[in-house]
Amino acid sequence: MYDLIGDIHGHAEELVRLLDELGYCQTKGSYSHPSRRAIFVGDFVDRGPKIRQVLKIVRAMVDAGSALAVLGNHELNALAFHTELPDRPGEYLRSHTPKNVRQHQQTLDQVPSDDLKEFLDWFRTLPLWLDLPGLRAVHACWNEPAMASIARSLTEHGGITTSFLQAAYDDRQRLFRDMETVLKGPEAALPEGVSFHDKEGHERRKIRTRWYAPSEGHTYRTYGFRSDEIACDSALLPEVIAAARPYPRDARPVFIGHYWLWAERPGLLAPNVVCLDYSVASGGFLTAYRWDGEVQLDEQKFVTARARPI
């Protein structure tokens, strides 16, 4: 059985408290459970105060076989941030703009360069999703056409290589769009003249959608993943409805992170869809779901560790 754990973002104290609550004990340099395994849904780095410690804990558990982990968009961004363009030395796949440096700064400050190189090499070995007997895990969105395309690219490039990353960060290529979908979630353009500011103050003209739900009958406010962000009650444009691929209600349960949800307590997005990201990096809580083989998920099976002030 599995304990699925959401975005950690360098919050090692909360991770340790959560593992303790779940019954994991530290032996031989790694946390383990006598009868369960953890699954981490990505985003270990950036933002929090103890990024190196989080990476050491998660990697040790994966190496020992007591956990599985998938790549998050922050790990992919870290790889691109530190990968030079082959034909332009000193320039990087993820450009070192003030915005991008600011987002990655805590990792740069906290993880020594030799350690960071080792962890970046480890990121390249992580899967982008898990399709296990009884359950699925992915950082942001389970979209089978996008995943099939990514799988072909991984085979073509021999894994998460420099050439794969080059294609993944080239917005002219399909791989860029597919990786955006799987690691960040699909977007829908807002009507002309409508925008909002996200949690970091950036103006947005697109919303992350509730991709798991049928789109018919929704407005932009109700179809947006964070309905508190956008005050637009216009009906969805036909092209948004046509592009939707709702997650089947009879499909295996899928567990995601990424979306910075806010609530007094975690809940289900659908009977077989759970988001485990409840904003630990902004004063929320680190969240786990204890899965014991059930097809219909149970809101009583969440376990949380509240963030402590930094």
Protein backbone atom coordinates (compact mmCIF):
# COMPACT_ATOMS: atom_id res chain seq x y z
CA MET A 1 0.00 0.00 0.00
CA TYR A 2 1.08 3.58 -0.62
CA ASP A 3 1.23 6.96 1.10
CA LEU A 4 1.17 9.70 -1.55
CA ILE A 5 2.80 12.98 -0.54
CA GLY A 6 2.37 16.40 -2.14
CA ASP A 7 4.72 19.26 -3.04
CA ILE A 8 7.36 19.77 -0.33
CA HIS A 9 9.32 22.80 -1.63
CA GLY A 10 12.13 22.56 0.88
CA HIS A 11 10.00 22.10 4.01
CA ALA A 12 12.00 19.32 5.64
CA GLU A 13 10.60 19.76 9.16
CA GLU A 14 7.04 19.32 7.90
CA LEU A 15 8.14 16.30 5.86
CA VAL A 16 9.71 14.64 8.90
CA ARG A 17 6.62 15.32 11.02
CA LEU A 18 4.39 13.91 8.27
CA LEU A 19 6.52 10.78 7.89
CA ASP A 20 6.44 10.29 11.67
CA GLU A 21 2.65 10.64 11.67
CA LEU A 22 2.43 8.08 8.87
CA GLY A 23 4.52 5.60 10.84
CA TYR A 24 7.81 5.81 8.93
CA CYS A 25 10.97 5.34 11.00
CA GLN A 26 14.55 6.32 10.21
CA THR A 27 16.91 3.36 10.01
CA LYS A 28 20.22 3.03 8.15
CA GLY A 29 20.01 6.60 6.90
CA SER A 30 16.53 6.39 5.37
CA TYR A 31 12.89 6.53 6.40
CA SER A 32 10.89 3.37 5.81
CA HIS A 33 7.66 1.69 6.85
CA PRO A 34 7.27 -2.03 7.59
CA SER A 35 4.37 -2.50 5.18
CA ARG A 36 3.95 0.65 3.06
CA ARG A 37 5.81 2.80 0.50
CA ALA A 38 5.66 6.54 -0.08
CA ILE A 39 5.06 8.17 -3.46
CA PHE A 40 6.23 11.77 -3.91
CA VAL A 41 4.48 13.76 -6.66
CA GLY A 42 7.35 16.21 -7.28
CA ASP A 43 8.44 19.79 -6.49
CA PHE A 44 11.08 19.16 -3.85
CA VAL A 45 13.15 22.29 -4.54
CA ASP A 46 12.76 26.10 -4.38
CA ARG A 47 10.99 28.36 -1.89
CA GLY A 48 11.46 26.55 1.44
CA PRO A 49 14.16 26.81 4.14
CA LYS A 50 15.65 23.27 4.06
CA ILE A 51 15.85 22.22 0.42
CA ARG A 52 19.03 20.16 0.72
CA GLN A 53 17.56 18.19 3.62
CA VAL A 54 14.39 17.46 1.63
CA LEU A 55 16.43 16.21 -1.31
CA LYS A 56 18.53 13.98 0.94
CA ILE A 57 15.45 12.48 2.61
CA VAL A 58 13.53 11.85 -0.60
CA ARG A 59 16.48 10.49 -2.55
CA ALA A 60 17.52 8.18 0.30
CA MET A 61 14.00 6.76 0.46
CA VAL A 62 13.87 6.23 -3.31
CA ASP A 63 17.33 4.63 -3.35
CA ALA A 64 16.38 2.33 -0.48
CA GLY A 65 13.17 1.24 -2.20
CA SER A 66 10.89 2.69 0.48
CA ALA A 67 9.54 5.39 -1.87
CA LEU A 68 8.85 6.26 -5.49
CA ALA A 69 8.96 9.78 -6.91
CA VAL A 70 7.95 11.60 -10.08
CA LEU A 71 9.49 14.72 -11.57
CA GLY A 72 7.84 18.06 -10.83
CA ASN A 73 7.99 21.21 -12.93
CA HIS A 74 10.44 22.79 -10.46
CA GLU A 75 12.87 19.91 -10.92
CA LEU A 76 12.53 20.19 -14.71
CA ASN A 77 13.09 23.95 -14.47
CA ALA A 78 16.18 23.36 -12.35
CA LEU A 79 17.60 21.03 -15.01
CA ALA A 80 16.98 23.63 -17.71
CA PHE A 81 18.34 26.48 -15.54
CA HIS A 82 21.68 24.64 -15.25
CA THR A 83 21.88 23.28 -18.83
CA GLU A 84 23.89 25.48 -21.18
CA LEU A 85 22.80 25.91 -24.78
CA PRO A 86 25.25 23.80 -26.78
CA ASP A 87 25.85 26.52 -29.38
CA ARG A 88 25.76 29.50 -26.97
CA PRO A 89 28.08 29.06 -23.96
CA GLY A 90 26.98 31.11 -20.99
CA GLU A 91 23.30 30.96 -22.00
CA TYR A 92 20.88 28.42 -20.61
CA LEU A 93 17.75 26.57 -21.66
CA ARG A 94 15.89 28.35 -18.85
CA SER A 95 17.19 31.86 -19.17
CA HIS A 96 18.62 33.56 -16.07
CA THR A 97 16.10 36.39 -16.00
CA PRO A 98 15.43 38.13 -12.68
CA LYS A 99 12.11 36.25 -12.41
CA ASN A 100 13.68 32.83 -13.02
CA VAL A 101 16.64 33.52 -10.73
CA ARG A 102 14.29 34.70 -7.98
CA GLN A 103 12.20 31.52 -8.23
CA HIS A 104 15.31 29.30 -7.98
CA GLN A 105 17.32 31.46 -5.55
CA GLN A 106 16.64 29.48 -2.38
CA THR A 107 17.94 26.33 -4.05
CA LEU A 108 21.05 28.15 -5.27
CA ASP A 109 21.66 29.55 -1.79
CA GLN A 110 21.07 26.34 0.16
CA VAL A 111 22.49 23.52 -1.96
CA PRO A 112 26.28 23.52 -2.54
CA SER A 113 27.17 23.31 -6.23
CA ASP A 114 28.69 19.82 -6.03
CA ASP A 115 25.61 18.49 -4.24
CA LEU A 116 23.32 20.29 -6.66
CA LYS A 117 25.03 18.70 -9.65
CA GLU A 118 24.51 15.28 -8.09
CA PHE A 119 20.83 15.97 -7.42
CA LEU A 120 20.34 17.32 -10.95
CA ASP A 121 21.77 14.07 -12.32
CA TRP A 122 19.30 12.22 -10.10
CA PHE A 123 16.38 14.30 -11.41
CA ARG A 124 17.15 12.98 -14.89
CA THR A 125 16.44 9.44 -13.67
CA LEU A 126 12.97 10.20 -12.26
CA PRO A 127 9.87 9.17 -14.20
CA LEU A 128 7.39 11.79 -15.36
CA TRP A 129 4.46 9.70 -14.15
CA LEU A 130 3.64 6.38 -12.49
CA ASP A 131 0.99 4.01 -13.83
CA LEU A 132 0.77 1.34 -11.13
CA PRO A 133 -1.70 -1.45 -10.42
CA GLY A 134 -4.64 0.35 -8.85
CA LEU A 135 -3.41 3.96 -8.97
CA ARG A 136 -1.63 6.66 -10.96
CA ALA A 137 0.57 9.61 -10.02
CA VAL A 138 1.69 12.62 -12.06
CA HIS A 139 2.69 16.13 -11.08
CA ALA A 140 -0.13 18.10 -12.70
CA CYS A 141 -2.30 16.35 -15.32
CA TRP A 142 -3.00 12.85 -16.58
CA ASN A 143 -3.36 13.35 -20.33
CA GLU A 144 -2.74 10.20 -22.32
CA PRO A 145 -2.12 11.77 -25.77
CA ALA A 146 0.47 14.14 -24.26
CA MET A 147 2.05 11.30 -22.30
CA ALA A 148 2.27 9.07 -25.37
CA SER A 149 4.04 11.87 -27.23
CA ILE A 150 6.45 12.43 -24.31
CA ALA A 151 7.18 8.69 -24.11
CA ARG A 152 8.13 8.66 -27.81
CA SER A 153 10.43 11.65 -27.26
CA LEU A 154 12.09 10.00 -24.26
CA THR A 155 12.82 6.95 -26.39
CA GLU A 156 14.09 9.08 -29.27
CA HIS A 157 16.41 11.14 -27.05
CA GLY A 158 17.50 8.36 -24.71
CA GLY A 159 15.80 9.78 -21.60
CA ILE A 160 15.92 13.24 -20.06
CA THR A 161 19.06 14.18 -21.94
CA THR A 162 20.24 17.61 -23.03
CA SER A 163 18.63 17.09 -26.44
CA PHE A 164 15.34 16.14 -24.78
CA LEU A 165 15.47 19.26 -22.61
CA GLN A 166 16.24 21.41 -25.66
CA ALA A 167 13.08 20.13 -27.35
CA ALA A 168 11.04 20.44 -24.14
CA TYR A 169 11.95 24.14 -23.84
CA ASP A 170 11.42 25.01 -27.51
CA ASP A 171 7.91 26.46 -27.70
CA ARG A 172 7.76 25.70 -31.42
CA GLN A 173 7.78 21.96 -30.75
CA ARG A 174 4.97 19.67 -29.67
CA LEU A 175 7.07 18.32 -26.80
CA PHE A 176 7.01 21.78 -25.19
CA ARG A 177 3.19 21.81 -25.18
CA ASP A 178 2.94 18.23 -23.96
CA MET A 179 5.36 18.80 -21.09
CA GLU A 180 3.50 21.96 -20.12
CA THR A 181 0.28 19.94 -19.97
CA VAL A 182 1.64 17.06 -17.89
CA LEU A 183 3.84 19.06 -15.49
CA LYS A 184 1.87 22.32 -15.22
CA GLY A 185 -1.67 21.48 -16.35
CA PRO A 186 -3.61 22.51 -19.47
CA GLU A 187 -4.54 26.14 -19.93
CA ALA A 188 -7.44 27.98 -21.54
CA ALA A 189 -7.17 31.51 -22.91
CA LEU A 190 -9.41 34.07 -21.23
CA PRO A 191 -11.79 36.23 -23.27
CA GLU A 192 -10.33 39.34 -24.88
CA GLY A 193 -9.52 42.03 -22.32
CA VAL A 194 -9.73 39.73 -19.26
CA SER A 195 -6.72 38.95 -17.06
CA PHE A 196 -5.81 38.32 -13.43
CA HIS A 197 -2.72 38.36 -11.20
CA ASP A 198 -1.44 35.06 -9.84
CA LYS A 199 -0.07 34.34 -6.35
CA GLU A 200 3.30 35.82 -7.31
CA GLY A 201 1.82 38.99 -8.81
CA HIS A 202 2.27 38.10 -12.48
CA GLU A 203 -0.49 39.10 -14.88
CA ARG A 204 -2.10 36.06 -16.52
CA ARG A 205 -4.36 35.87 -19.57
CA LYS A 206 -4.91 32.11 -19.30
CA ILE A 207 -6.30 29.87 -16.58
CA ARG A 208 -5.25 26.43 -15.46
CA THR A 209 -8.32 24.30 -16.05
CA ARG A 210 -10.12 21.63 -14.07
CA TRP A 211 -8.98 19.15 -16.71
CA TYR A 212 -10.44 16.17 -14.84
CA ALA A 213 -14.01 17.51 -15.12
CA PRO A 214 -16.40 17.83 -18.09
CA SER A 215 -16.21 21.38 -19.44
CA GLU A 216 -19.84 21.80 -20.50
CA GLY A 217 -21.84 24.32 -18.46
CA HIS A 218 -18.79 25.95 -16.86
CA THR A 219 -17.73 29.58 -16.79
CA TYR A 220 -14.09 30.64 -16.68
CA ARG A 221 -14.43 31.14 -12.93
CA THR A 222 -15.83 27.67 -12.26
CA TYR A 223 -13.57 25.85 -14.75
CA GLY A 224 -10.40 27.48 -13.42
CA PHE A 225 -8.39 25.32 -11.02
CA ARG A 226 -8.17 28.25 -8.62
CA SER A 227 -11.62 29.79 -8.83
CA ASP A 228 -10.59 32.47 -6.32
CA GLU A 229 -8.08 33.88 -8.82
CA ILE A 230 -10.34 34.89 -11.69
CA ALA A 231 -13.62 36.81 -11.54
CA CYS A 232 -14.91 35.99 -15.02
CA ASP A 233 -18.37 34.49 -15.31
CA SER A 234 -18.40 34.33 -19.12
CA ALA A 235 -19.27 30.96 -20.64
CA LEU A 236 -16.33 28.98 -21.99
CA LEU A 237 -15.53 29.50 -25.65
CA PRO A 238 -16.36 26.53 -27.93
CA GLU A 239 -12.69 25.80 -28.57
CA VAL A 240 -12.06 25.43 -24.83
CA ILE A 241 -14.91 22.94 -24.55
CA ALA A 242 -13.68 21.03 -27.59
CA ALA A 243 -10.13 20.75 -26.21
CA ALA A 244 -11.23 19.25 -22.87
CA ARG A 245 -10.32 15.65 -22.06
CA PRO A 246 -12.06 14.92 -18.73
CA TYR A 247 -10.62 12.11 -16.64
CA PRO A 248 -12.98 9.09 -16.83
CA ARG A 249 -14.89 8.40 -13.63
CA ASP A 250 -14.15 4.69 -14.00
CA ALA A 251 -10.38 5.17 -14.42
CA ARG A 252 -7.89 4.28 -11.72
CA PRO A 253 -7.44 6.93 -9.00
CA VAL A 254 -4.91 9.59 -9.97
CA PHE A 255 -2.89 11.69 -7.52
CA ILE A 256 -1.42 15.07 -8.46
CA GLY A 257 0.27 18.09 -6.86
CA HIS A 258 1.21 21.48 -8.31
CA TYR A 259 -1.88 23.67 -7.87
CA TRP A 260 -1.35 25.54 -4.56
CA LEU A 261 -4.83 24.83 -3.24
CA TRP A 262 -6.16 26.58 -0.13
CA ALA A 263 -8.61 24.98 2.27
CA GLU A 264 -9.09 24.31 5.96
CA ARG A 265 -8.71 20.63 5.21
CA PRO A 266 -7.95 18.65 2.03
CA GLY A 267 -10.67 17.09 -0.07
CA LEU A 268 -11.31 15.18 -3.28
CA LEU A 269 -11.45 16.89 -6.66
CA ALA A 270 -13.49 13.97 -8.01
CA PRO A 271 -14.22 10.48 -6.65
CA ASN A 272 -10.99 9.26 -8.28
CA VAL A 273 -8.86 12.46 -8.41
CA VAL A 274 -6.82 13.98 -5.56
CA CYS A 275 -4.60 17.05 -5.47
CA LEU A 276 -2.02 16.86 -2.68
CA ASP A 277 -0.63 20.41 -2.92
CA TYR A 278 -2.06 22.54 -0.13
CA SER A 279 0.52 25.34 -0.20
CA VAL A 280 2.98 24.30 2.50
CA ALA A 281 5.35 26.94 1.08
CA SER A 282 2.79 29.68 1.80
CA GLY A 283 1.68 28.74 5.29
CA GLY A 284 -0.64 25.87 4.34
CA PHE A 285 0.10 22.23 5.07
CA LEU A 286 2.03 19.30 3.65
CA THR A 287 -0.47 16.65 2.65
CA ALA A 288 -0.50 12.88 2.25
CA TYR A 289 -3.19 10.42 1.24
CA ARG A 290 -3.08 6.87 2.70
CA TRP A 291 -4.13 4.57 -0.16
CA ASP A 292 -5.13 1.02 0.70
CA GLY A 293 -6.35 -0.21 -2.67
CA GLU A 294 -9.70 1.58 -2.79
CA VAL A 295 -11.22 2.59 -6.14
CA GLN A 296 -13.45 5.27 -4.65
CA LEU A 297 -11.27 7.59 -2.61
CA ASP A 298 -12.09 8.59 0.96
CA GLU A 299 -11.75 12.13 2.38
CA GLN A 300 -11.01 10.65 5.81
CA LYS A 301 -7.68 9.25 4.61
CA PHE A 302 -5.72 12.50 4.36
CA VAL A 303 -2.89 13.18 6.80
CA THR A 304 -1.36 16.66 7.09
CA ALA A 305 1.51 18.56 8.69
CA ARG A 306 0.86 22.28 9.14
CA ALA A 307 3.64 24.61 8.00
CA ARG A 308 5.61 26.35 10.71
CA PRO A 309 6.53 30.03 10.30
CA ILE A 310 9.92 30.49 8.65
